[in-house]
Amino acid sequence: MDDKEIIRLYLSRNEDAIAATAEKFGGYCRSIAGNILHNEEDVKECINDVYLSAWSSIPPRIPERLGAFLGKITRNAALSRRRRAAAKKRGAGQLELALSELSDCVPTALGVEQGAEEGEISRCIENFLRALPKDKRQVFVKRYWYLCPVGEIAREYGMSVAKVKSMLFRTRKDLKKALNKEGIEL
């Protein structure tokens, strides 16, 4: 079933929408949640939250890309669950590690003009990522959006761990330069 058909099921409030979503996007959502939560029970609960959130959100929202929409819901739900758990022993620490890696090139506290600056920062990061070669962009997104461990990324792309770490380091350094060039102070 394609995305438009699944969205039509949601719009008509047909409960088959959940089953169709689970069939087409269940593995994708489980992968995102698993990289963040590292606990199968938490992943299952998170995925149920994702389906409920999608059911509640469609309508009124009609996503252009259902996969991206569900991926964002999954990531946010898993991060919220992770924050609530607040126990490093439950996971491999990828969230904390990834955020610490990015701390030098992405501002964390924006102050009073936060809303406007967040939009500008998002635009700059999107432009930066679009300009990257495909392999660098994929590795960067895998690490900092999907929170995949460096070793897993290395295996998936047939690279050494050292090469992935070096690529990420250089990409973060280039991102920092790009943000500075746009006048975004860190």
N, C-alpha and C. Protein backbone atom coordinates (compact mmCIF):
# COMPACT_ATOMS: atom_id res chain seq x y z
N MET A 1 0.85 -1.17 0.00
CA MET A 1 0.00 0.00 0.00
C MET A 1 0.90 1.23 0.00
N ASP A 2 0.59 2.21 -0.84
CA ASP A 2 1.45 3.39 -0.89
C ASP A 2 1.02 4.42 0.18
N ASP A 3 1.86 5.44 0.35
CA ASP A 3 1.64 6.44 1.40
C ASP A 3 0.30 7.14 1.27
N LYS A 4 -0.07 7.50 0.06
CA LYS A 4 -1.34 8.23 -0.15
C LYS A 4 -2.54 7.38 0.28
N GLU A 5 -2.48 6.09 0.01
CA GLU A 5 -3.57 5.20 0.42
C GLU A 5 -3.64 5.11 1.95
N ILE A 6 -2.49 5.02 2.58
CA ILE A 6 -2.46 4.96 4.04
C ILE A 6 -3.01 6.26 4.63
N ILE A 7 -2.62 7.38 4.07
CA ILE A 7 -3.12 8.67 4.55
C ILE A 7 -4.62 8.76 4.37
N ARG A 8 -5.13 8.24 3.25
CA ARG A 8 -6.59 8.23 3.04
C ARG A 8 -7.30 7.43 4.13
N LEU A 9 -6.68 6.33 4.56
CA LEU A 9 -7.26 5.54 5.65
C LEU A 9 -7.33 6.36 6.94
N TYR A 10 -6.26 7.10 7.21
CA TYR A 10 -6.28 7.98 8.39
C TYR A 10 -7.37 9.03 8.27
N LEU A 11 -7.44 9.65 7.10
CA LEU A 11 -8.42 10.72 6.90
C LEU A 11 -9.85 10.21 7.04
N SER A 12 -10.10 8.97 6.66
CA SER A 12 -11.44 8.41 6.77
C SER A 12 -11.65 7.75 8.14
N ARG A 13 -10.63 7.88 9.04
CA ARG A 13 -10.67 7.34 10.40
C ARG A 13 -10.84 5.81 10.39
N ASN A 14 -10.26 5.17 9.40
CA ASN A 14 -10.30 3.72 9.27
C ASN A 14 -9.14 3.14 10.08
N GLU A 15 -9.44 2.26 11.01
CA GLU A 15 -8.42 1.70 11.89
C GLU A 15 -7.39 0.85 11.15
N ASP A 16 -7.68 0.47 9.93
CA ASP A 16 -6.71 -0.26 9.12
C ASP A 16 -5.47 0.59 8.83
N ALA A 17 -5.58 1.89 9.04
CA ALA A 17 -4.44 2.79 8.83
C ALA A 17 -3.28 2.40 9.73
N ILE A 18 -3.59 2.02 10.96
CA ILE A 18 -2.53 1.65 11.91
C ILE A 18 -1.83 0.37 11.44
N ALA A 19 -2.60 -0.62 11.02
CA ALA A 19 -2.00 -1.87 10.54
C ALA A 19 -1.15 -1.63 9.30
N ALA A 20 -1.65 -0.80 8.38
CA ALA A 20 -0.90 -0.49 7.16
C ALA A 20 0.38 0.27 7.50
N THR A 21 0.30 1.17 8.46
CA THR A 21 1.47 1.94 8.90
C THR A 21 2.49 0.99 9.51
N ALA A 22 2.02 0.09 10.37
CA ALA A 22 2.92 -0.86 11.02
C ALA A 22 3.60 -1.76 10.00
N GLU A 23 2.84 -2.19 9.00
CA GLU A 23 3.41 -3.08 7.98
C GLU A 23 4.48 -2.37 7.15
N LYS A 24 4.19 -1.14 6.74
CA LYS A 24 5.12 -0.44 5.85
C LYS A 24 6.27 0.24 6.59
N PHE A 25 5.98 0.83 7.76
CA PHE A 25 6.97 1.65 8.43
C PHE A 25 7.40 1.13 9.81
N GLY A 26 6.87 -0.01 10.22
CA GLY A 26 7.18 -0.54 11.56
C GLY A 26 8.67 -0.76 11.78
N GLY A 27 9.34 -1.38 10.83
CA GLY A 27 10.77 -1.64 10.98
C GLY A 27 11.59 -0.36 11.02
N TYR A 28 11.22 0.59 10.18
CA TYR A 28 11.90 1.89 10.13
C TYR A 28 11.77 2.59 11.48
N CYS A 29 10.56 2.63 12.02
CA CYS A 29 10.32 3.30 13.30
C CYS A 29 11.02 2.56 14.44
N ARG A 30 10.98 1.22 14.42
CA ARG A 30 11.66 0.44 15.45
C ARG A 30 13.17 0.69 15.43
N SER A 31 13.73 0.84 14.24
CA SER A 31 15.15 1.11 14.12
C SER A 31 15.52 2.44 14.76
N ILE A 32 14.74 3.47 14.48
CA ILE A 32 15.00 4.79 15.06
C ILE A 32 14.89 4.72 16.58
N ALA A 33 13.78 4.16 17.06
CA ALA A 33 13.56 4.08 18.51
C ALA A 33 14.62 3.21 19.18
N GLY A 34 15.01 2.12 18.53
CA GLY A 34 16.01 1.22 19.10
C GLY A 34 17.37 1.88 19.26
N ASN A 35 17.75 2.72 18.30
CA ASN A 35 19.03 3.42 18.39
C ASN A 35 19.07 4.40 19.55
N ILE A 36 17.92 4.86 19.96
CA ILE A 36 17.85 5.84 21.05
C ILE A 36 17.61 5.16 22.39
N LEU A 37 16.74 4.16 22.42
CA LEU A 37 16.30 3.58 23.69
C LEU A 37 17.08 2.36 24.16
N HIS A 38 17.51 1.51 23.23
CA HIS A 38 18.29 0.31 23.57
C HIS A 38 17.59 -0.60 24.56
N ASN A 39 16.28 -0.62 24.54
CA ASN A 39 15.51 -1.48 25.44
C ASN A 39 14.25 -1.89 24.69
N GLU A 40 14.10 -3.17 24.41
CA GLU A 40 13.02 -3.65 23.55
C GLU A 40 11.64 -3.28 24.08
N GLU A 41 11.43 -3.36 25.38
CA GLU A 41 10.13 -3.01 25.95
C GLU A 41 9.83 -1.53 25.73
N ASP A 42 10.83 -0.68 25.96
CA ASP A 42 10.65 0.75 25.72
C ASP A 42 10.39 1.04 24.25
N VAL A 43 11.06 0.31 23.36
CA VAL A 43 10.87 0.49 21.92
C VAL A 43 9.42 0.15 21.55
N LYS A 44 8.91 -0.97 22.06
CA LYS A 44 7.53 -1.36 21.76
C LYS A 44 6.54 -0.30 22.23
N GLU A 45 6.74 0.20 23.44
CA GLU A 45 5.85 1.23 23.98
C GLU A 45 5.95 2.52 23.15
N CYS A 46 7.16 2.85 22.76
CA CYS A 46 7.38 4.05 21.95
C CYS A 46 6.66 3.92 20.62
N ILE A 47 6.76 2.77 19.97
CA ILE A 47 6.11 2.56 18.68
C ILE A 47 4.60 2.68 18.82
N ASN A 48 4.05 2.14 19.90
CA ASN A 48 2.61 2.31 20.14
C ASN A 48 2.26 3.79 20.29
N ASP A 49 3.12 4.55 20.98
CA ASP A 49 2.90 5.99 21.11
C ASP A 49 2.94 6.68 19.74
N VAL A 50 3.84 6.20 18.88
CA VAL A 50 3.96 6.77 17.54
C VAL A 50 2.66 6.57 16.76
N TYR A 51 2.12 5.35 16.80
CA TYR A 51 0.88 5.07 16.07
C TYR A 51 -0.27 5.91 16.62
N LEU A 52 -0.34 6.06 17.94
CA LEU A 52 -1.38 6.89 18.54
C LEU A 52 -1.21 8.35 18.12
N SER A 53 0.02 8.82 18.12
CA SER A 53 0.29 10.20 17.72
C SER A 53 -0.08 10.43 16.26
N ALA A 54 0.26 9.46 15.39
CA ALA A 54 -0.09 9.58 13.97
C ALA A 54 -1.61 9.62 13.83
N TRP A 55 -2.31 8.75 14.56
CA TRP A 55 -3.78 8.70 14.51
C TRP A 55 -4.36 10.05 14.95
N SER A 56 -3.77 10.65 15.97
CA SER A 56 -4.27 11.93 16.49
C SER A 56 -3.90 13.11 15.59
N SER A 57 -2.81 12.98 14.85
CA SER A 57 -2.31 14.10 14.04
C SER A 57 -2.89 14.15 12.63
N ILE A 58 -3.30 12.99 12.11
CA ILE A 58 -3.83 12.93 10.74
C ILE A 58 -5.31 12.61 10.83
N PRO A 59 -6.24 13.39 10.47
CA PRO A 59 -6.15 14.83 10.32
C PRO A 59 -5.97 15.51 11.68
N PRO A 60 -5.70 16.75 11.76
CA PRO A 60 -5.80 17.79 10.74
C PRO A 60 -4.60 17.88 9.81
N ARG A 61 -3.42 17.40 10.25
CA ARG A 61 -2.24 17.49 9.39
C ARG A 61 -2.29 16.41 8.33
N ILE A 62 -1.81 16.75 7.16
CA ILE A 62 -1.69 15.78 6.07
C ILE A 62 -0.23 15.83 5.62
N PRO A 63 0.58 14.87 6.05
CA PRO A 63 2.01 14.91 5.72
C PRO A 63 2.26 14.67 4.23
N GLU A 64 3.25 15.39 3.71
CA GLU A 64 3.65 15.18 2.32
C GLU A 64 4.42 13.88 2.17
N ARG A 65 5.27 13.59 3.15
CA ARG A 65 6.06 12.36 3.14
C ARG A 65 5.80 11.61 4.44
N LEU A 66 5.00 10.58 4.36
CA LEU A 66 4.57 9.85 5.55
C LEU A 66 5.75 9.26 6.31
N GLY A 67 6.73 8.72 5.61
CA GLY A 67 7.89 8.13 6.27
C GLY A 67 8.65 9.15 7.10
N ALA A 68 8.90 10.32 6.54
CA ALA A 68 9.61 11.36 7.28
C ALA A 68 8.78 11.84 8.47
N PHE A 69 7.48 11.96 8.27
CA PHE A 69 6.56 12.37 9.32
C PHE A 69 6.63 11.38 10.49
N LEU A 70 6.54 10.09 10.18
CA LEU A 70 6.59 9.07 11.22
C LEU A 70 7.97 8.99 11.86
N GLY A 71 9.01 9.19 11.07
CA GLY A 71 10.37 9.18 11.60
C GLY A 71 10.58 10.28 12.62
N LYS A 72 10.04 11.45 12.32
CA LYS A 72 10.17 12.57 13.25
C LYS A 72 9.38 12.31 14.54
N ILE A 73 8.17 11.79 14.40
CA ILE A 73 7.37 11.46 15.58
C ILE A 73 8.11 10.42 16.42
N THR A 74 8.66 9.40 15.77
CA THR A 74 9.37 8.33 16.47
C THR A 74 10.57 8.88 17.22
N ARG A 75 11.35 9.67 16.53
CA ARG A 75 12.55 10.23 17.16
C ARG A 75 12.18 11.07 18.37
N ASN A 76 11.19 11.95 18.23
CA ASN A 76 10.78 12.80 19.34
C ASN A 76 10.21 11.98 20.49
N ALA A 77 9.41 10.97 20.18
CA ALA A 77 8.83 10.13 21.23
C ALA A 77 9.93 9.36 21.97
N ALA A 78 10.90 8.84 21.23
CA ALA A 78 11.99 8.08 21.85
C ALA A 78 12.86 9.00 22.71
N LEU A 79 13.16 10.19 22.21
CA LEU A 79 13.96 11.13 23.00
C LEU A 79 13.22 11.54 24.27
N SER A 80 11.92 11.76 24.18
CA SER A 80 11.13 12.11 25.36
C SER A 80 11.15 10.96 26.37
N ARG A 81 10.97 9.76 25.88
CA ARG A 81 10.98 8.58 26.75
C ARG A 81 12.37 8.45 27.38
N ARG A 82 13.40 8.69 26.61
CA ARG A 82 14.77 8.59 27.11
C ARG A 82 15.03 9.61 28.21
N ARG A 83 14.56 10.84 27.98
CA ARG A 83 14.74 11.88 28.98
C ARG A 83 14.02 11.50 30.28
N ARG A 84 12.81 10.97 30.13
CA ARG A 84 12.04 10.57 31.31
C ARG A 84 12.75 9.46 32.07
N ALA A 85 13.31 8.55 31.36
CA ALA A 85 14.01 7.43 32.02
C ALA A 85 15.24 7.94 32.76
N ALA A 86 15.93 8.90 32.14
CA ALA A 86 17.10 9.56 32.74
C ALA A 86 18.08 8.60 33.40
N ALA A 87 18.29 7.46 32.78
CA ALA A 87 19.22 6.50 33.36
C ALA A 87 20.16 6.03 32.26
N LYS A 88 21.41 6.39 32.34
CA LYS A 88 22.38 6.00 31.32
C LYS A 88 22.55 4.49 31.23
N LYS A 89 22.30 3.79 32.34
CA LYS A 89 22.50 2.34 32.33
C LYS A 89 21.54 1.63 31.40
N ARG A 90 20.46 2.28 30.97
CA ARG A 90 19.47 1.63 30.11
C ARG A 90 19.89 1.66 28.65
N GLY A 91 20.91 2.46 28.30
CA GLY A 91 21.32 2.53 26.90
C GLY A 91 22.82 2.63 26.77
N ALA A 92 23.25 2.75 25.56
CA ALA A 92 24.69 2.79 25.32
C ALA A 92 25.23 4.21 25.36
N GLY A 93 24.41 5.20 25.77
CA GLY A 93 24.87 6.57 25.90
C GLY A 93 25.02 7.30 24.58
N GLN A 94 24.40 6.81 23.49
CA GLN A 94 24.58 7.42 22.18
C GLN A 94 24.02 8.85 22.13
N LEU A 95 22.91 9.10 22.81
CA LEU A 95 22.32 10.44 22.81
C LEU A 95 23.28 11.43 23.42
N GLU A 96 23.75 11.14 24.60
CA GLU A 96 24.66 12.05 25.29
C GLU A 96 25.96 12.23 24.50
N LEU A 97 26.46 11.14 23.96
CA LEU A 97 27.70 11.19 23.20
C LEU A 97 27.53 12.03 21.93
N ALA A 98 26.45 11.79 21.19
CA ALA A 98 26.21 12.55 19.95
C ALA A 98 26.03 14.03 20.25
N LEU A 99 25.29 14.35 21.31
CA LEU A 99 25.09 15.75 21.65
C LEU A 99 26.38 16.41 22.09
N SER A 100 27.22 15.69 22.80
CA SER A 100 28.50 16.28 23.20
C SER A 100 29.40 16.51 21.98
N GLU A 101 29.33 15.61 20.99
CA GLU A 101 30.12 15.78 19.77
C GLU A 101 29.68 17.04 19.02
N LEU A 102 28.39 17.29 19.01
CA LEU A 102 27.85 18.44 18.27
C LEU A 102 27.95 19.75 19.04
N SER A 103 28.25 19.70 20.33
CA SER A 103 28.20 20.90 21.16
C SER A 103 29.13 22.01 20.69
N ASP A 104 30.21 21.67 20.02
CA ASP A 104 31.15 22.69 19.55
C ASP A 104 30.71 23.39 18.28
N CYS A 105 29.76 22.80 17.55
CA CYS A 105 29.41 23.42 16.28
C CYS A 105 27.94 23.82 16.17
N VAL A 106 27.11 23.50 17.16
CA VAL A 106 25.71 23.91 17.13
C VAL A 106 25.39 24.55 18.47
N PRO A 107 24.84 25.77 18.46
CA PRO A 107 24.55 26.44 19.72
C PRO A 107 23.49 25.69 20.53
N THR A 108 23.64 25.71 21.85
CA THR A 108 22.69 25.02 22.71
C THR A 108 21.73 25.99 23.39
N ALA A 109 22.19 27.13 23.80
CA ALA A 109 21.32 28.11 24.45
C ALA A 109 21.25 29.35 23.57
N LEU A 110 20.07 29.66 23.09
CA LEU A 110 19.94 30.73 22.12
C LEU A 110 19.45 32.04 22.71
N GLY A 111 18.94 32.04 23.93
CA GLY A 111 18.50 33.27 24.55
C GLY A 111 17.14 33.74 24.07
N VAL A 112 16.92 35.05 24.12
CA VAL A 112 15.62 35.64 23.87
C VAL A 112 15.13 35.47 22.44
N GLU A 113 16.01 35.52 21.49
CA GLU A 113 15.61 35.44 20.08
C GLU A 113 15.56 33.99 19.59
N GLN A 114 15.30 33.08 20.50
CA GLN A 114 15.39 31.65 20.20
C GLN A 114 14.56 31.23 18.99
N GLY A 115 13.31 31.61 18.91
CA GLY A 115 12.45 31.15 17.82
C GLY A 115 12.99 31.52 16.45
N ALA A 116 13.33 32.78 16.27
CA ALA A 116 13.83 33.24 14.97
C ALA A 116 15.18 32.60 14.65
N GLU A 117 16.03 32.52 15.64
CA GLU A 117 17.35 31.94 15.42
C GLU A 117 17.28 30.45 15.12
N GLU A 118 16.35 29.74 15.76
CA GLU A 118 16.23 28.30 15.49
C GLU A 118 15.88 28.07 14.02
N GLY A 119 14.99 28.89 13.48
CA GLY A 119 14.63 28.76 12.07
C GLY A 119 15.81 29.03 11.16
N GLU A 120 16.58 30.04 11.50
CA GLU A 120 17.77 30.38 10.71
C GLU A 120 18.83 29.28 10.80
N ILE A 121 19.02 28.75 11.99
CA ILE A 121 20.00 27.68 12.17
C ILE A 121 19.56 26.44 11.39
N SER A 122 18.27 26.11 11.47
CA SER A 122 17.76 24.95 10.72
C SER A 122 17.99 25.12 9.23
N ARG A 123 17.71 26.30 8.70
CA ARG A 123 17.91 26.57 7.28
C ARG A 123 19.38 26.41 6.91
N CYS A 124 20.27 26.95 7.73
CA CYS A 124 21.71 26.84 7.46
C CYS A 124 22.18 25.39 7.49
N ILE A 125 21.70 24.62 8.46
CA ILE A 125 22.11 23.22 8.56
C ILE A 125 21.58 22.44 7.36
N GLU A 126 20.33 22.69 6.97
CA GLU A 126 19.77 22.02 5.80
C GLU A 126 20.59 22.32 4.56
N ASN A 127 20.94 23.59 4.34
CA ASN A 127 21.75 23.97 3.19
C ASN A 127 23.13 23.31 3.24
N PHE A 128 23.71 23.28 4.42
CA PHE A 128 25.01 22.64 4.60
C PHE A 128 24.94 21.16 4.22
N LEU A 129 23.92 20.46 4.73
CA LEU A 129 23.78 19.04 4.45
C LEU A 129 23.53 18.76 2.97
N ARG A 130 22.73 19.61 2.32
CA ARG A 130 22.48 19.43 0.88
C ARG A 130 23.75 19.54 0.06
N ALA A 131 24.67 20.38 0.53
CA ALA A 131 25.91 20.61 -0.23
C ALA A 131 26.95 19.52 -0.01
N LEU A 132 26.76 18.68 1.00
CA LEU A 132 27.73 17.62 1.27
C LEU A 132 27.65 16.51 0.23
N PRO A 133 28.75 15.82 -0.01
CA PRO A 133 28.68 14.60 -0.83
C PRO A 133 27.76 13.59 -0.13
N LYS A 134 27.15 12.74 -0.92
CA LYS A 134 26.14 11.81 -0.41
C LYS A 134 26.65 10.98 0.76
N ASP A 135 27.86 10.41 0.66
CA ASP A 135 28.34 9.54 1.73
C ASP A 135 28.55 10.30 3.04
N LYS A 136 29.09 11.51 2.97
CA LYS A 136 29.29 12.31 4.17
C LYS A 136 27.95 12.70 4.79
N ARG A 137 27.01 13.08 3.95
CA ARG A 137 25.68 13.46 4.44
C ARG A 137 25.01 12.27 5.13
N GLN A 138 25.09 11.09 4.50
CA GLN A 138 24.45 9.91 5.08
C GLN A 138 25.08 9.54 6.42
N VAL A 139 26.39 9.58 6.51
CA VAL A 139 27.07 9.25 7.75
C VAL A 139 26.70 10.27 8.83
N PHE A 140 26.69 11.54 8.48
CA PHE A 140 26.35 12.61 9.44
C PHE A 140 24.92 12.43 9.96
N VAL A 141 23.98 12.20 9.07
CA VAL A 141 22.58 12.03 9.46
C VAL A 141 22.40 10.76 10.29
N LYS A 142 23.05 9.68 9.90
CA LYS A 142 22.97 8.43 10.67
C LYS A 142 23.42 8.67 12.11
N ARG A 143 24.50 9.43 12.26
CA ARG A 143 25.05 9.65 13.60
C ARG A 143 24.21 10.63 14.42
N TYR A 144 23.84 11.75 13.82
CA TYR A 144 23.25 12.83 14.62
C TYR A 144 21.74 12.94 14.52
N TRP A 145 21.12 12.28 13.58
CA TRP A 145 19.65 12.24 13.54
C TRP A 145 19.16 10.90 14.09
N TYR A 146 19.72 9.81 13.55
CA TYR A 146 19.29 8.48 13.98
C TYR A 146 20.06 7.98 15.21
N LEU A 147 21.11 8.69 15.61
CA LEU A 147 21.92 8.37 16.78
C LEU A 147 22.52 6.96 16.72
N CYS A 148 22.94 6.56 15.53
CA CYS A 148 23.58 5.25 15.37
C CYS A 148 25.00 5.30 15.95
N PRO A 149 25.42 4.24 16.60
CA PRO A 149 26.80 4.18 17.09
C PRO A 149 27.79 4.20 15.92
N VAL A 150 28.96 4.76 16.16
CA VAL A 150 29.98 4.89 15.12
C VAL A 150 30.34 3.53 14.53
N GLY A 151 30.47 2.52 15.38
CA GLY A 151 30.81 1.18 14.89
C GLY A 151 29.77 0.63 13.94
N GLU A 152 28.51 0.86 14.24
CA GLU A 152 27.42 0.40 13.37
C GLU A 152 27.47 1.12 12.01
N ILE A 153 27.74 2.41 12.03
CA ILE A 153 27.85 3.19 10.79
C ILE A 153 29.02 2.66 9.96
N ALA A 154 30.13 2.41 10.62
CA ALA A 154 31.32 1.89 9.92
C ALA A 154 31.00 0.57 9.22
N ARG A 155 30.33 -0.34 9.93
CA ARG A 155 29.97 -1.64 9.33
C ARG A 155 29.01 -1.44 8.15
N GLU A 156 28.01 -0.59 8.34
CA GLU A 156 27.01 -0.39 7.29
C GLU A 156 27.61 0.18 6.01
N TYR A 157 28.57 1.08 6.13
CA TYR A 157 29.15 1.72 4.95
C TYR A 157 30.50 1.13 4.55
N GLY A 158 30.92 0.06 5.21
CA GLY A 158 32.17 -0.60 4.85
C GLY A 158 33.39 0.27 5.08
N MET A 159 33.38 1.01 6.17
CA MET A 159 34.49 1.90 6.51
C MET A 159 35.07 1.45 7.85
N SER A 160 36.27 1.94 8.13
CA SER A 160 36.83 1.69 9.46
C SER A 160 36.20 2.68 10.44
N VAL A 161 36.23 2.32 11.70
CA VAL A 161 35.71 3.22 12.74
C VAL A 161 36.49 4.53 12.72
N ALA A 162 37.80 4.44 12.52
CA ALA A 162 38.64 5.64 12.48
C ALA A 162 38.22 6.56 11.34
N LYS A 163 37.91 5.98 10.18
CA LYS A 163 37.50 6.80 9.04
C LYS A 163 36.18 7.50 9.34
N VAL A 164 35.22 6.80 9.95
CA VAL A 164 33.94 7.41 10.28
C VAL A 164 34.14 8.54 11.28
N LYS A 165 34.94 8.29 12.32
CA LYS A 165 35.21 9.32 13.32
C LYS A 165 35.85 10.55 12.68
N SER A 166 36.81 10.31 11.81
CA SER A 166 37.50 11.41 11.12
C SER A 166 36.53 12.18 10.24
N MET A 167 35.69 11.46 9.50
CA MET A 167 34.70 12.09 8.62
C MET A 167 33.74 12.95 9.45
N LEU A 168 33.28 12.41 10.56
CA LEU A 168 32.36 13.17 11.42
C LEU A 168 33.03 14.40 12.01
N PHE A 169 34.28 14.25 12.44
CA PHE A 169 35.02 15.37 13.00
C PHE A 169 35.16 16.50 11.97
N ARG A 170 35.58 16.13 10.76
CA ARG A 170 35.75 17.14 9.71
C ARG A 170 34.42 17.78 9.30
N THR A 171 33.37 16.97 9.27
CA THR A 171 32.06 17.50 8.90
C THR A 171 31.55 18.47 9.97
N ARG A 172 31.74 18.13 11.24
CA ARG A 172 31.35 19.05 12.32
C ARG A 172 32.13 20.35 12.23
N LYS A 173 33.42 20.23 11.94
CA LYS A 173 34.28 21.41 11.80
C LYS A 173 33.80 22.29 10.64
N ASP A 174 33.44 21.66 9.52
CA ASP A 174 32.92 22.39 8.37
C ASP A 174 31.56 23.02 8.67
N LEU A 175 30.73 22.32 9.44
CA LEU A 175 29.44 22.87 9.83
C LEU A 175 29.63 24.10 10.69
N LYS A 176 30.55 24.03 11.62
CA LYS A 176 30.83 25.19 12.48
C LYS A 176 31.27 26.39 11.63
N LYS A 177 32.13 26.15 10.65
CA LYS A 177 32.57 27.23 9.75
C LYS A 177 31.39 27.80 8.97
N ALA A 178 30.52 26.91 8.46
CA ALA A 178 29.36 27.35 7.69
C ALA A 178 28.42 28.19 8.54
N LEU A 179 28.20 27.78 9.77
CA LEU A 179 27.32 28.55 10.66
C LEU A 179 27.95 29.90 11.00
N ASN A 180 29.26 29.90 11.26
CA ASN A 180 29.94 31.17 11.54
C ASN A 180 29.87 32.11 10.33
N LYS A 181 30.03 31.56 9.15
CA LYS A 181 29.96 32.36 7.92
C LYS A 181 28.59 33.02 7.77
N GLU A 182 27.55 32.34 8.25
CA GLU A 182 26.19 32.88 8.19
C GLU A 182 25.89 33.82 9.35
N GLY A 183 26.88 34.05 10.20
CA GLY A 183 26.71 34.98 11.33
C GLY A 183 26.09 34.35 12.55
N ILE A 184 26.08 33.04 12.62
CA ILE A 184 25.52 32.36 13.78
C ILE A 184 26.67 32.11 14.75
N GLU A 185 26.63 32.81 15.88
CA GLU A 185 27.70 32.71 16.87
C GLU A 185 27.49 31.50 17.75
N LEU A 186 28.58 30.83 18.07
CA LEU A 186 28.52 29.63 18.89
C LEU A 186 29.03 29.90 20.28
